[in-house]
Amino acid sequence: MKIVVNSPAGNIGRVVTEQLLQAAEDVVIISRNPDKVARLVECGARLVQGSIDNVQVLDHALEGAEAMF
């Protein structure tokens, strides 16, 4: 299942992302600052750099997704 997580560097978003990766889910994260989420990317998350305020970023991240957190 492809799941998109917004704010993966936050207290809740990071925990959710880590748990989804441990469950071997297909995780896409949206972040403006790739340095803050580098460890999550190393663990298997796919990064879409930008903000959910940008329609193109959101469209790209959500393509084929089944859920968003």
C-alpha atoms as a PDB file:
ATOM      1  CA  MET A   1       0.000   0.000   0.000  1.00  0.00           C
ATOM      2  CA  LYS A   2       1.379   3.430  -0.936  1.00  0.00           C
ATOM      3  CA  ILE A   3       0.970   5.870   1.936  1.00  0.00           C
ATOM      4  CA  VAL A   4       1.965   9.542   1.832  1.00  0.00           C
ATOM      5  CA  VAL A   5       3.086  11.225   5.040  1.00  0.00           C
ATOM      6  CA  ASN A   6       3.157  14.994   5.377  1.00  0.00           C
ATOM      7  CA  SER A   7       5.376  16.565   8.056  1.00  0.00           C
ATOM      8  CA  PRO A   8       7.594  13.481   8.499  1.00  0.00           C
ATOM      9  CA  ALA A   9      10.108  15.499  10.521  1.00  0.00           C
ATOM     10  CA  GLY A  10       7.537  16.326  13.207  1.00  0.00           C
ATOM     11  CA  ASN A  11       6.996  14.446  16.451  1.00  0.00           C
ATOM     12  CA  ILE A  12       3.993  12.475  15.194  1.00  0.00           C
ATOM     13  CA  GLY A  13       4.861  12.259  11.495  1.00  0.00           C
ATOM     14  CA  ARG A  14       8.291  10.790  12.212  1.00  0.00           C
ATOM     15  CA  VAL A  15       6.860   8.039  14.426  1.00  0.00           C
ATOM     16  CA  VAL A  16       4.142   7.221  11.882  1.00  0.00           C
ATOM     17  CA  THR A  17       6.711   7.090   9.067  1.00  0.00           C
ATOM     18  CA  GLU A  18       9.058   4.852  11.053  1.00  0.00           C
ATOM     19  CA  GLN A  19       6.228   2.452  11.914  1.00  0.00           C
ATOM     20  CA  LEU A  20       5.045   2.282   8.309  1.00  0.00           C
ATOM     21  CA  LEU A  21       8.584   1.567   7.105  1.00  0.00           C
ATOM     22  CA  GLN A  22       8.965  -1.185   9.721  1.00  0.00           C
ATOM     23  CA  ALA A  23       5.719  -2.687   8.402  1.00  0.00           C
ATOM     24  CA  ALA A  24       7.267  -2.687   4.894  1.00  0.00           C
ATOM     25  CA  GLU A  25       4.714  -0.245   3.488  1.00  0.00           C
ATOM     26  CA  ASP A  26       5.464   1.879   0.415  1.00  0.00           C
ATOM     27  CA  VAL A  27       6.018   5.264   2.090  1.00  0.00           C
ATOM     28  CA  VAL A  28       6.292   8.617   0.350  1.00  0.00           C
ATOM     29  CA  ILE A  29       7.174  11.619   2.478  1.00  0.00           C
ATOM     30  CA  ILE A  30       6.662  15.286   1.671  1.00  0.00           C
ATOM     31  CA  SER A  31       9.246  17.614   3.148  1.00  0.00           C
ATOM     32  CA  ARG A  32      10.643  21.032   2.318  1.00  0.00           C
ATOM     33  CA  ASN A  33      13.983  20.191   3.912  1.00  0.00           C
ATOM     34  CA  PRO A  34      15.576  16.918   2.735  1.00  0.00           C
ATOM     35  CA  ASP A  35      18.273  17.109   5.420  1.00  0.00           C
ATOM     36  CA  LYS A  36      15.673  16.734   8.174  1.00  0.00           C
ATOM     37  CA  VAL A  37      14.333  13.483   6.692  1.00  0.00           C
ATOM     38  CA  ALA A  38      17.559  11.960   5.329  1.00  0.00           C
ATOM     39  CA  ARG A  39      17.459   9.094   7.840  1.00  0.00           C
ATOM     40  CA  LEU A  40      13.913   8.195   6.784  1.00  0.00           C
ATOM     41  CA  VAL A  41      14.989   8.158   3.143  1.00  0.00           C
ATOM     42  CA  GLU A  42      17.927   5.909   4.049  1.00  0.00           C
ATOM     43  CA  CYS A  43      15.405   3.556   5.685  1.00  0.00           C
ATOM     44  CA  GLY A  44      13.355   3.333   2.479  1.00  0.00           C
ATOM     45  CA  ALA A  45      10.975   6.287   2.343  1.00  0.00           C
ATOM     46  CA  ARG A  46      10.714   8.089  -0.972  1.00  0.00           C
ATOM     47  CA  LEU A  47      11.007  11.864  -0.741  1.00  0.00           C
ATOM     48  CA  VAL A  48       8.958  14.388  -2.643  1.00  0.00           C
ATOM     49  CA  GLN A  49      10.610  17.689  -1.841  1.00  0.00           C
ATOM     50  CA  GLY A  50       8.311  20.660  -1.388  1.00  0.00           C
ATOM     51  CA  SER A  51       5.204  21.810   0.401  1.00  0.00           C
ATOM     52  CA  ILE A  52       1.634  20.551   0.338  1.00  0.00           C
ATOM     53  CA  ASP A  53       0.717  24.155  -0.488  1.00  0.00           C
ATOM     54  CA  ASN A  54       2.152  23.474  -3.955  1.00  0.00           C
ATOM     55  CA  VAL A  55      -0.380  21.628  -6.128  1.00  0.00           C
ATOM     56  CA  GLN A  56       2.284  19.994  -8.313  1.00  0.00           C
ATOM     57  CA  VAL A  57       4.128  18.625  -5.274  1.00  0.00           C
ATOM     58  CA  LEU A  58       0.915  17.263  -3.816  1.00  0.00           C
ATOM     59  CA  ASP A  59      -0.188  15.732  -7.141  1.00  0.00           C
ATOM     60  CA  HIS A  60       3.207  14.062  -7.580  1.00  0.00           C
ATOM     61  CA  ALA A  61       3.264  12.671  -4.033  1.00  0.00           C
ATOM     62  CA  LEU A  62      -0.320  11.391  -4.160  1.00  0.00           C
ATOM     63  CA  GLU A  63      -0.069   9.707  -7.560  1.00  0.00           C
ATOM     64  CA  GLY A  64      -1.141   6.113  -6.968  1.00  0.00           C
ATOM     65  CA  ALA A  65      -1.431   6.598  -3.201  1.00  0.00           C
ATOM     66  CA  GLU A  66      -4.089   4.807  -1.209  1.00  0.00           C
ATOM     67  CA  ALA A  67      -3.814   6.929   1.931  1.00  0.00           C
ATOM     68  CA  MET A  68      -2.333  10.135   3.309  1.00  0.00           C
ATOM     69  CA  PHE A  69      -1.393  11.053   6.844  1.00  0.00           C
END
